[in-house]
Protein backbone atom coordinates (compact mmCIF):
# COMPACT_ATOMS: atom_id res chain seq x y z
CA MET A 1 -6.93 8.93 -0.82
CA SER A 2 -4.78 11.43 1.33
CA HIS A 3 -4.72 14.86 -0.83
CA ARG A 4 -0.55 14.36 0.06
CA ILE A 5 -0.08 11.15 -2.37
CA TRP A 6 -2.79 12.30 -5.52
CA PRO A 7 -3.78 15.42 -6.28
CA ALA A 8 -4.16 16.63 -9.60
CA ALA A 9 -0.26 17.37 -10.21
CA VAL A 10 0.39 13.48 -9.39
CA VAL A 11 3.63 13.43 -11.10
CA ALA A 12 4.98 16.14 -9.06
CA VAL A 13 3.69 14.69 -5.87
CA ILE A 14 5.01 11.12 -7.10
CA ALA A 15 8.26 12.69 -7.45
CA LEU A 16 8.23 14.12 -4.10
CA THR A 17 6.73 11.60 -2.00
CA GLY A 18 6.56 8.47 -3.77
CA VAL A 19 3.35 5.72 -3.28
CA ALA A 20 2.29 2.90 -1.66
CA LEU A 21 1.40 -0.23 -2.44
CA ALA A 22 -0.73 -3.16 -1.65
CA PRO A 23 0.23 -5.47 1.23
CA ALA A 24 1.59 -9.11 0.89
CA SER A 25 -0.87 -12.27 0.38
CA ALA A 26 -2.06 -14.29 3.13
CA ALA A 27 0.70 -16.60 4.89
CA ASP A 28 0.65 -20.48 4.33
CA PRO A 29 2.49 -22.89 6.69
CA GLY A 30 4.45 -24.02 3.60
CA VAL A 31 5.25 -20.10 2.49
CA ALA A 32 8.63 -18.37 4.00
CA ASN A 33 9.31 -15.13 3.38
CA GLY A 34 10.51 -14.21 -0.25
CA ARG A 35 12.04 -11.18 -1.79
CA ILE A 36 10.88 -7.38 -0.87
CA ALA A 37 9.60 -4.98 -3.84
CA PHE A 38 9.19 -1.65 -3.67
CA GLY A 39 9.16 1.40 -5.99
CA THR A 40 13.26 3.24 -6.46
CA ARG A 41 13.33 6.90 -7.93
CA ALA A 42 16.36 7.60 -10.63
CA ASN A 43 16.50 9.88 -13.26
CA GLY A 44 13.26 11.17 -13.13
CA SER A 45 11.08 7.98 -12.89
CA PHE A 46 10.44 5.35 -10.64
CA ASN A 47 10.84 1.68 -11.08
CA ILE A 48 10.08 -1.56 -9.22
CA ASP A 49 13.21 -3.24 -7.54
CA THR A 50 13.23 -6.63 -5.31
CA VAL A 51 15.58 -7.55 -2.74
CA MET A 52 15.87 -10.33 -0.30
CA PRO A 53 14.64 -9.63 3.41
CA ASP A 54 18.46 -8.51 4.68
CA GLY A 55 18.75 -5.71 1.71
CA SER A 56 21.10 -8.26 -0.46
CA ASP A 57 20.77 -8.95 -4.21
CA LEU A 58 19.01 -5.81 -5.59
CA LYS A 59 17.53 -7.07 -8.74
CA ALA A 60 15.53 -3.84 -11.15
CA VAL A 61 12.41 -5.60 -12.11
CA THR A 62 10.88 -2.95 -14.42
CA SER A 63 12.76 -0.29 -16.13
CA GLY A 64 12.51 2.71 -18.35
CA ALA A 65 10.75 6.01 -18.26
CA GLY A 66 7.32 6.88 -16.48
CA PHE A 67 5.81 5.53 -12.88
CA HIS A 68 6.02 1.99 -12.23
CA LEU A 69 4.57 1.74 -8.98
CA CYS A 70 2.03 -0.15 -6.34
CA PRO A 71 3.55 -3.50 -6.66
CA ASP A 72 1.69 -6.72 -5.30
CA TYR A 73 2.90 -10.17 -5.28
CA THR A 74 0.26 -12.53 -6.70
CA PRO A 75 -0.41 -15.63 -3.98
CA ASP A 76 2.30 -17.81 -5.56
CA GLY A 77 4.55 -15.43 -5.98
CA ARG A 78 5.54 -15.63 -9.57
CA GLN A 79 3.97 -12.34 -10.33
CA ILE A 80 3.98 -8.95 -9.80
CA VAL A 81 0.60 -6.54 -10.23
CA PHE A 82 1.40 -3.03 -10.35
CA CYS A 83 0.43 0.27 -11.90
CA ALA A 84 2.06 2.36 -14.06
CA ASN A 85 1.50 5.39 -16.45
CA THR A 86 3.52 4.36 -19.69
CA SER A 87 0.77 4.21 -21.58
CA GLY A 88 -0.48 7.22 -20.52
CA ALA A 89 -3.13 7.01 -17.88
CA PHE A 90 -2.37 4.79 -14.64
CA GLU A 91 -3.07 1.59 -15.47
CA LEU A 92 -2.75 -1.95 -13.89
CA TRP A 93 0.23 -4.01 -15.08
CA THR A 94 1.66 -7.75 -14.78
CA ILE A 95 4.92 -8.97 -14.88
CA LYS A 96 6.96 -11.99 -14.09
CA GLN A 97 8.58 -11.86 -10.35
CA ASN A 98 11.88 -11.43 -12.48
CA GLY A 99 10.84 -9.08 -14.60
CA GLY A 100 9.79 -10.71 -17.97
CA LYS A 101 6.62 -10.28 -19.85
CA PRO A 102 5.64 -6.74 -18.44
CA THR A 103 1.15 -6.71 -19.42
CA GLN A 104 -1.22 -4.31 -19.49
CA LEU A 105 -3.73 -5.80 -17.72
CA THR A 106 -6.58 -2.93 -17.33
CA HIS A 107 -7.40 -0.29 -20.49
CA PHE A 108 -9.60 2.31 -18.59
CA GLY A 109 -7.83 5.25 -19.75
CA ALA A 110 -8.61 6.51 -15.88
CA PHE A 111 -6.98 6.21 -12.84
CA ALA A 112 -6.01 2.81 -11.51
CA ILE A 113 -3.89 2.57 -8.84
CA PHE A 114 -2.63 0.13 -5.94
CA PRO A 115 -3.71 -3.61 -6.90
CA ASP A 116 -4.35 -5.91 -4.26
CA VAL A 117 -4.58 -9.49 -5.39
CA SER A 118 -7.21 -11.77 -3.49
CA PRO A 119 -6.21 -14.83 -1.64
CA ASP A 120 -7.85 -17.39 -4.50
CA GLY A 121 -5.63 -15.46 -7.30
CA SER A 122 -9.11 -14.72 -9.21
CA LYS A 123 -9.62 -11.05 -8.60
CA ILE A 124 -7.67 -7.69 -7.61
CA ALA A 125 -8.90 -4.86 -5.84
CA PHE A 126 -7.96 -1.56 -6.52
CA ASN A 127 -8.56 1.93 -5.89
CA GLY A 128 -8.58 5.11 -8.33
CA TRP A 129 -11.52 7.06 -10.43
CA ILE A 130 -12.99 5.67 -13.46
CA GLY A 131 -15.15 8.37 -14.27
CA GLU A 132 -16.50 11.71 -12.58
CA PRO A 133 -16.06 12.62 -9.67
CA ALA A 134 -12.04 12.26 -9.79
CA ASN A 135 -12.34 10.65 -6.11
CA ASP A 136 -11.04 7.40 -4.98
CA GLN A 137 -13.42 4.81 -4.88
CA VAL A 138 -12.60 0.83 -4.61
CA PHE A 139 -12.99 -1.29 -7.41
CA VAL A 140 -12.60 -5.07 -8.23
CA VAL A 141 -11.75 -6.43 -11.48
CA ASP A 142 -11.03 -10.15 -13.13
CA ALA A 143 -7.41 -10.77 -12.60
CA ALA A 144 -7.15 -12.87 -15.47
CA SER A 145 -8.51 -10.50 -18.16
CA GLY A 146 -8.91 -7.09 -16.40
CA GLU A 147 -12.37 -7.22 -17.34
CA GLY A 148 -15.37 -7.25 -15.04
CA LEU A 149 -15.64 -3.95 -13.31
CA VAL A 150 -17.28 -3.66 -10.32
CA GLN A 151 -17.15 -0.39 -7.62
CA LEU A 152 -17.32 -1.37 -3.98
CA THR A 153 -17.39 1.77 -2.47
CA SER A 154 -19.38 5.38 -3.23
CA CYS A 155 -20.16 8.73 -1.46
CA PRO A 156 -23.21 9.47 0.15
CA ALA A 157 -25.23 12.20 -0.75
CA ALA A 158 -24.26 14.81 2.58
CA LEU A 159 -20.40 13.54 1.78
CA PRO A 160 -19.85 14.05 -1.95
CA ASP A 161 -16.20 14.31 -1.78
CA CYS A 162 -15.77 11.51 0.13
CA PHE A 163 -12.77 8.64 -1.01
CA SER A 164 -12.06 5.02 -0.09
CA SER A 165 -8.25 3.84 -1.26
CA TYR A 166 -5.81 1.46 -0.34
CA PRO A 167 -8.25 -1.79 -0.62
CA VAL A 168 -6.82 -5.12 0.71
CA TRP A 169 -8.44 -8.83 1.03
CA SER A 170 -8.55 -10.56 4.22
CA PRO A 171 -6.43 -13.42 4.45
CA ASP A 172 -9.76 -15.43 3.81
CA GLY A 173 -10.98 -13.52 1.31
CA HIS A 174 -14.42 -12.97 3.25
CA ARG A 175 -13.35 -9.57 4.27
CA ILE A 176 -11.76 -6.39 2.73
CA LEU A 177 -9.90 -3.18 4.26
CA TYR A 178 -9.60 0.25 3.00
CA ILE A 179 -8.83 3.61 4.26
CA HIS A 180 -11.61 5.97 3.99
CA GLY A 181 -12.42 9.69 4.24
CA ASP A 182 -15.30 12.22 4.38
CA GLY A 183 -13.16 14.40 2.36
CA PHE A 184 -10.91 17.33 2.60
CA ASP A 185 -10.72 20.53 4.70
CA ALA A 186 -9.60 23.94 3.44
CA ASP A 187 -5.61 22.87 3.72
CA ASP A 188 -6.42 19.65 1.33
CA ASN A 189 -6.10 17.98 4.47
CA PRO A 190 -8.04 14.41 5.09
CA VAL A 191 -11.13 14.44 6.95
CA ASN A 192 -11.81 11.99 8.96
CA GLU A 193 -9.60 9.64 8.04
CA GLN A 194 -10.02 6.22 9.20
CA ILE A 195 -9.42 2.48 8.56
CA TYR A 196 -12.56 0.65 7.40
CA VAL A 197 -13.29 -3.00 7.28
CA ALA A 198 -16.34 -4.63 5.12
CA ASN A 199 -17.51 -7.54 3.41
CA ALA A 200 -15.43 -8.70 0.20
CA ASP A 201 -18.80 -7.60 -1.63
CA GLY A 202 -18.09 -3.92 -0.06
CA SER A 203 -21.32 -4.24 2.03
CA GLN A 204 -21.53 -3.27 5.50
CA GLY A 205 -18.47 -1.35 5.88
CA HIS A 206 -17.61 0.46 9.10
CA PRO A 207 -14.57 2.07 11.14
CA ILE A 208 -12.59 0.36 13.36
CA THR A 209 -10.44 3.68 14.14
CA THR A 210 -11.65 6.50 15.88
CA GLY A 211 -9.72 9.80 16.60
CA PRO A 212 -8.88 13.15 14.48
CA ALA A 213 -5.44 11.95 13.27
CA PRO A 214 -5.36 10.56 9.87
CA LYS A 215 -4.64 6.62 9.13
CA ASP A 216 -2.98 7.03 5.91
CA GLN A 217 -1.20 4.99 3.66
CA VAL A 218 -1.07 2.02 4.05
CA ALA A 219 -3.15 -1.00 6.25
CA ASP A 220 -2.51 -4.97 5.67
CA TRP A 221 -4.05 -8.00 7.33
CA SER A 222 -1.65 -10.24 9.60
CA PRO A 223 -1.23 -13.54 8.04
CA ASP A 224 -3.84 -15.38 10.25
CA GLY A 225 -5.90 -12.42 10.11
CA THR A 226 -5.95 -11.38 13.78
CA LYS A 227 -4.21 -8.09 13.64
CA ILE A 228 -4.14 -5.41 11.18
CA VAL A 229 -1.41 -3.07 10.96
CA PHE A 230 -1.93 0.80 9.60
CA THR A 231 0.07 4.30 9.69
CA ASN A 232 -1.34 6.76 12.59
CA GLY A 233 -0.37 10.47 13.04
CA TYR A 234 -0.26 13.76 11.25
CA PHE A 235 2.49 14.58 8.78
CA GLY A 236 5.61 14.83 10.35
CA SER A 237 4.71 12.41 13.60
CA GLU A 238 3.31 9.51 11.65
CA GLY A 239 4.51 5.95 13.29
CA ILE A 240 2.98 2.30 12.69
CA TRP A 241 0.25 0.81 14.72
CA THR A 242 -1.59 -2.36 15.08
CA ILE A 243 -5.26 -3.06 16.00
CA ASN A 244 -7.66 -6.05 16.14
CA PRO A 245 -10.14 -6.27 13.27
CA ASP A 246 -12.97 -5.37 15.28
CA GLY A 247 -11.47 -2.28 16.39
CA SER A 248 -9.95 -3.43 19.82
CA GLY A 249 -6.38 -3.21 21.19
CA ALA A 250 -5.07 -0.68 19.48
CA ARG A 251 -1.00 -0.37 19.65
CA GLN A 252 1.69 1.89 18.79
CA LEU A 253 4.37 -0.09 17.61
CA THR A 254 6.83 3.31 16.08
CA GLY A 255 6.96 6.80 16.02
CA CYS A 256 6.63 9.85 18.26
CA THR A 257 3.63 10.76 20.78
CA ALA A 258 1.89 13.76 21.40
CA SER A 259 4.28 15.36 23.90
CA ASP A 260 7.48 14.55 21.41
CA PRO A 261 8.90 17.24 19.08
CA SER A 262 7.29 17.75 15.96
CA PRO A 263 8.82 17.13 13.12
CA CYS A 264 9.31 13.64 14.70
CA PRO A 265 13.15 13.32 14.61
CA THR A 266 13.39 9.90 13.61
CA GLY A 267 10.85 10.80 10.94
CA ASP A 268 7.69 9.42 9.46
CA ASP A 269 7.18 6.05 9.21
CA TRP A 270 4.10 4.83 6.74
CA GLY A 271 3.85 2.21 4.41
CA SER A 272 3.44 -0.83 6.15
CA SER A 273 3.13 -4.41 4.87
CA TRP A 274 3.07 -7.59 6.81
CA SER A 275 5.49 -10.37 6.37
CA PRO A 276 4.01 -13.77 4.86
CA ASP A 277 5.51 -15.68 8.05
CA GLY A 278 3.88 -12.98 10.14
CA ARG A 279 7.16 -12.58 11.78
CA LYS A 280 8.13 -9.28 10.52
CA ILE A 281 6.89 -5.70 9.21
CA VAL A 282 8.19 -3.82 6.37
CA PHE A 283 7.28 0.00 6.37
CA LEU A 284 8.89 3.61 5.33
CA ARG A 285 10.66 5.56 7.28
CA ASP A 286 10.72 8.84 5.97
CA LEU A 287 12.88 11.58 6.45
CA THR A 288 11.84 13.90 3.74
CA ASN A 289 10.04 16.08 6.29
CA LEU A 290 13.66 16.60 8.20
CA GLY A 291 14.93 17.93 4.84
CA ILE A 292 16.98 14.62 4.04
CA ALA A 293 16.25 13.28 0.96
CA ASP A 294 15.79 9.78 2.08
CA ARG A 295 12.82 7.27 2.53
CA GLN A 296 14.00 4.12 3.68
CA VAL A 297 12.61 0.59 3.36
CA THR A 298 12.92 -0.74 6.83
CA VAL A 299 12.24 -4.02 8.29
CA MET A 300 11.35 -4.63 12.17
CA ASN A 301 9.87 -7.30 14.32
CA VAL A 302 5.88 -7.48 15.01
CA ASP A 303 6.58 -5.81 18.46
CA GLY A 304 8.29 -2.73 16.84
CA THR A 305 11.72 -3.76 17.51
CA GLY A 306 15.01 -4.72 15.53
CA ALA A 307 14.19 -1.67 13.13
CA HIS A 308 16.66 -1.42 10.50
CA SER A 309 16.94 0.13 7.07
CA ILE A 310 17.44 -2.80 4.03
CA SER A 311 17.31 0.05 1.10
CA THR A 312 20.21 1.89 -0.73
CA PRO A 313 19.86 5.92 0.35
CA GLY A 314 17.15 7.45 -1.92
CA LEU A 315 13.36 8.10 -2.41
CA HIS A 316 11.62 4.69 -2.63
CA ALA A 317 8.14 3.79 -2.54
CA VAL A 318 6.41 1.27 -0.08
CA PRO A 319 7.14 -2.30 0.05
CA ALA A 320 5.45 -5.56 -0.53
CA TRP A 321 6.54 -8.93 0.51
CA GLN A 322 6.96 -11.87 -1.50
CA PRO A 323 5.12 -15.31 -0.65
CA ARG A 324 7.71 -18.22 -1.23
CA GLY A 325 6.79 -21.78 -0.84
CA VAL A 326 8.52 -25.06 -1.48
CA ALA A 327 7.27 -24.83 -5.00
CA LEU A 328 9.19 -21.72 -5.89
CA GLY A 329 12.55 -22.91 -4.97
CA GLY A 330 12.92 -21.20 -1.75
């Protein structure tokens, strides 16, 4: 995972930069766009809020001291899986989508973050570390019990400091994408950070992006599985891009280009998630690199047009979109 987000002084960095969360689940003809969940910083803590897609009807889901982050909706939209350090270490938790019955799911006593629920609801992929070395890898656990831990990624002997972060299941559950880097340079910048796609069991992982610019926080599949949205660029000029799962057809949607000034005058764009109906993308427009303490939850069309903020001013963590069907009451 990028050192920009999770160094040893994790709490201090969260306070400055926020964190991402796992993207929305696969779409269905009967699924519409529900609420949008994201973290909000207040009184030294982060808690999860939700709003309607137009920014109305703000509601708190979690409360209290500590860091409640990384929300991801279950495929039926009824629950949120998230990460929190309220028990000491960062663990995975579940809560009803309206905020009822928070329950700690994992008990590793280590570092478990960025959960993503499989399309059939049976498994949860996440990243973090359970033992040494303390560099991010991708794991899977049983969604009901938080047990049955399986590690999907690891580092080759030649790259002992590699990391793999932000796992996301494909809509059909057959593949998984994640962000992989070979390590960090002397300035703690990620080395060769790319979007990877692998089989659901972690086999045959391979990069689908190229180039020296980091691909950081976070990628997501389109609901039909034909596109991947991701962040591309150096800090100060990050933008939202899309690409085909085979690595072809890369297209920039937001952000500055190499010929524009840095930092980008429109801020850094990162933390993308596709809407369940496939027509919108939600992400963070981060103005902190411009000296403005504002990180806006932003919605746009999938072609990059119509970007607009749906959040109040402040520091927010990256959003996830709730699938909401007829059975949930719209």
